Amino acid sequence: MGAETLRLVTRRGCHLCDLVEEPLLELALARGITVQHCEVDEDAALRDSYDQRVPVLLRGDEVLAEGRFDPEAALQSVISARDRFTIQ
């Protein structure tokens, strides 16, 4: 099974984004999860969907967390799902 890839939608100057981004990226790296950073104001589709909701953590089109959230808890749901499908 390949590494999980998530998207983190943020905005420059957003204090909530600043609070969650660095801890989330560090935790994800330590757990083998790739996080793609997406700037909401550089993509019209992202802006239409998540403009006032940033930061938003996505797995595909599924919103895992948004606004003020705990990076550890958000990643734990990804890890739990991954572990359920890992063949031992």
C-alpha atoms as a PDB file:
ATOM      1  CA  MET A   1       0.000   0.000   0.000  1.00  0.00           C
ATOM      2  CA  GLY A   2       1.433   3.443  -0.935  1.00  0.00           C
ATOM      3  CA  ALA A   3       1.870   6.370   1.360  1.00  0.00           C
ATOM      4  CA  GLU A   4      -1.248   8.304   2.261  1.00  0.00           C
ATOM      5  CA  THR A   5      -1.422  11.775   0.695  1.00  0.00           C
ATOM      6  CA  LEU A   6      -3.506  14.548   2.231  1.00  0.00           C
ATOM      7  CA  ARG A   7      -4.075  18.150   1.179  1.00  0.00           C
ATOM      8  CA  LEU A   8      -3.898  21.065   3.577  1.00  0.00           C
ATOM      9  CA  VAL A   9      -5.762  24.095   2.265  1.00  0.00           C
ATOM     10  CA  THR A  10      -4.529  27.334   3.845  1.00  0.00           C
ATOM     11  CA  ARG A  11      -4.333  31.075   3.278  1.00  0.00           C
ATOM     12  CA  ARG A  12      -1.385  33.394   3.772  1.00  0.00           C
ATOM     13  CA  GLY A  13      -1.931  35.582   6.830  1.00  0.00           C
ATOM     14  CA  CYS A  14      -4.497  33.204   8.391  1.00  0.00           C
ATOM     15  CA  HIS A  15      -3.671  32.795  12.101  1.00  0.00           C
ATOM     16  CA  LEU A  16      -5.496  29.454  12.361  1.00  0.00           C
ATOM     17  CA  CYS A  17      -3.553  28.169   9.356  1.00  0.00           C
ATOM     18  CA  ASP A  18      -0.297  29.263  10.964  1.00  0.00           C
ATOM     19  CA  LEU A  19      -1.199  27.454  14.194  1.00  0.00           C
ATOM     20  CA  VAL A  20      -1.956  24.113  12.560  1.00  0.00           C
ATOM     21  CA  GLU A  21       0.405  23.928   9.577  1.00  0.00           C
ATOM     22  CA  GLU A  22       3.828  23.307  11.132  1.00  0.00           C
ATOM     23  CA  PRO A  23       2.690  20.787  13.777  1.00  0.00           C
ATOM     24  CA  LEU A  24       0.600  18.938  11.192  1.00  0.00           C
ATOM     25  CA  LEU A  25       3.476  18.690   8.720  1.00  0.00           C
ATOM     26  CA  GLU A  26       5.885  17.464  11.411  1.00  0.00           C
ATOM     27  CA  LEU A  27       3.446  14.848  12.710  1.00  0.00           C
ATOM     28  CA  ALA A  28       2.582  13.677   9.198  1.00  0.00           C
ATOM     29  CA  LEU A  29       6.246  13.299   8.239  1.00  0.00           C
ATOM     30  CA  ALA A  30       6.929  11.235  11.354  1.00  0.00           C
ATOM     31  CA  ARG A  31       4.018   8.941  10.447  1.00  0.00           C
ATOM     32  CA  GLY A  32       4.825   8.497   6.759  1.00  0.00           C
ATOM     33  CA  ILE A  33       1.940  10.653   5.561  1.00  0.00           C
ATOM     34  CA  THR A  34       2.485  13.129   2.736  1.00  0.00           C
ATOM     35  CA  VAL A  35       0.756  16.496   3.025  1.00  0.00           C
ATOM     36  CA  GLN A  36       0.370  18.630  -0.076  1.00  0.00           C
ATOM     37  CA  HIS A  37       0.029  22.324   0.763  1.00  0.00           C
ATOM     38  CA  CYS A  38      -2.649  24.164  -1.236  1.00  0.00           C
ATOM     39  CA  GLU A  39      -3.143  27.930  -1.178  1.00  0.00           C
ATOM     40  CA  VAL A  40      -6.889  28.651  -1.253  1.00  0.00           C
ATOM     41  CA  ASP A  41      -6.480  32.004  -3.019  1.00  0.00           C
ATOM     42  CA  GLU A  42      -4.494  30.480  -5.892  1.00  0.00           C
ATOM     43  CA  ASP A  43      -7.192  28.017  -6.974  1.00  0.00           C
ATOM     44  CA  ALA A  44     -10.716  29.130  -7.867  1.00  0.00           C
ATOM     45  CA  ALA A  45     -12.253  25.729  -7.093  1.00  0.00           C
ATOM     46  CA  LEU A  46     -10.641  25.616  -3.650  1.00  0.00           C
ATOM     47  CA  ARG A  47     -11.713  29.202  -2.981  1.00  0.00           C
ATOM     48  CA  ASP A  48     -15.301  28.389  -3.975  1.00  0.00           C
ATOM     49  CA  SER A  49     -15.390  25.412  -1.607  1.00  0.00           C
ATOM     50  CA  TYR A  50     -13.225  26.445   1.346  1.00  0.00           C
ATOM     51  CA  ASP A  51     -12.798  30.241   1.315  1.00  0.00           C
ATOM     52  CA  GLN A  52     -14.017  30.941   4.859  1.00  0.00           C
ATOM     53  CA  ARG A  53     -13.297  27.442   6.200  1.00  0.00           C
ATOM     54  CA  VAL A  54      -9.475  27.398   6.155  1.00  0.00           C
ATOM     55  CA  PRO A  55      -7.441  25.634   7.280  1.00  0.00           C
ATOM     56  CA  VAL A  56      -8.994  22.504   5.787  1.00  0.00           C
ATOM     57  CA  LEU A  57      -7.411  19.042   5.811  1.00  0.00           C
ATOM     58  CA  LEU A  58      -8.604  16.825   2.957  1.00  0.00           C
ATOM     59  CA  ARG A  59      -8.218  13.193   1.965  1.00  0.00           C
ATOM     60  CA  GLY A  60      -9.373  13.248  -1.636  1.00  0.00           C
ATOM     61  CA  ASP A  61     -12.601  15.239  -1.441  1.00  0.00           C
ATOM     62  CA  GLU A  62     -13.319  14.184   2.149  1.00  0.00           C
ATOM     63  CA  VAL A  63     -12.930  16.924   4.750  1.00  0.00           C
ATOM     64  CA  LEU A  64     -11.050  15.436   7.704  1.00  0.00           C
ATOM     65  CA  ALA A  65     -10.797  18.644   9.723  1.00  0.00           C
ATOM     66  CA  GLU A  66     -11.301  22.372   9.324  1.00  0.00           C
ATOM     67  CA  GLY A  67     -10.958  25.631  11.203  1.00  0.00           C
ATOM     68  CA  ARG A  68      -9.404  25.233  14.632  1.00  0.00           C
ATOM     69  CA  PHE A  69      -8.450  21.553  14.887  1.00  0.00           C
ATOM     70  CA  ASP A  70      -5.975  19.303  16.642  1.00  0.00           C
ATOM     71  CA  PRO A  71      -3.417  18.046  14.096  1.00  0.00           C
ATOM     72  CA  GLU A  72      -2.713  14.890  16.121  1.00  0.00           C
ATOM     73  CA  ALA A  73      -6.383  13.920  16.293  1.00  0.00           C
ATOM     74  CA  ALA A  74      -6.899  14.631  12.583  1.00  0.00           C
ATOM     75  CA  LEU A  75      -3.970  12.424  11.605  1.00  0.00           C
ATOM     76  CA  GLN A  76      -5.006   9.686  14.004  1.00  0.00           C
ATOM     77  CA  SER A  77      -8.162   9.082  11.968  1.00  0.00           C
ATOM     78  CA  VAL A  78      -6.010   8.651   8.853  1.00  0.00           C
ATOM     79  CA  ILE A  79      -3.645   6.275  10.651  1.00  0.00           C
ATOM     80  CA  SER A  80      -6.531   4.236  12.073  1.00  0.00           C
ATOM     81  CA  ALA A  81      -8.105   3.871   8.633  1.00  0.00           C
ATOM     82  CA  ARG A  82      -4.762   2.910   7.092  1.00  0.00           C
ATOM     83  CA  ASP A  83      -4.109   0.314   9.782  1.00  0.00           C
ATOM     84  CA  ARG A  84      -7.527  -1.309   9.221  1.00  0.00           C
ATOM     85  CA  PHE A  85      -6.593  -2.004   5.598  1.00  0.00           C
ATOM     86  CA  THR A  86      -2.993  -3.113   6.137  1.00  0.00           C
ATOM     87  CA  ILE A  87      -2.510  -6.833   5.619  1.00  0.00           C
ATOM     88  CA  GLN A  88      -0.332  -8.298   8.382  1.00  0.00           C
END
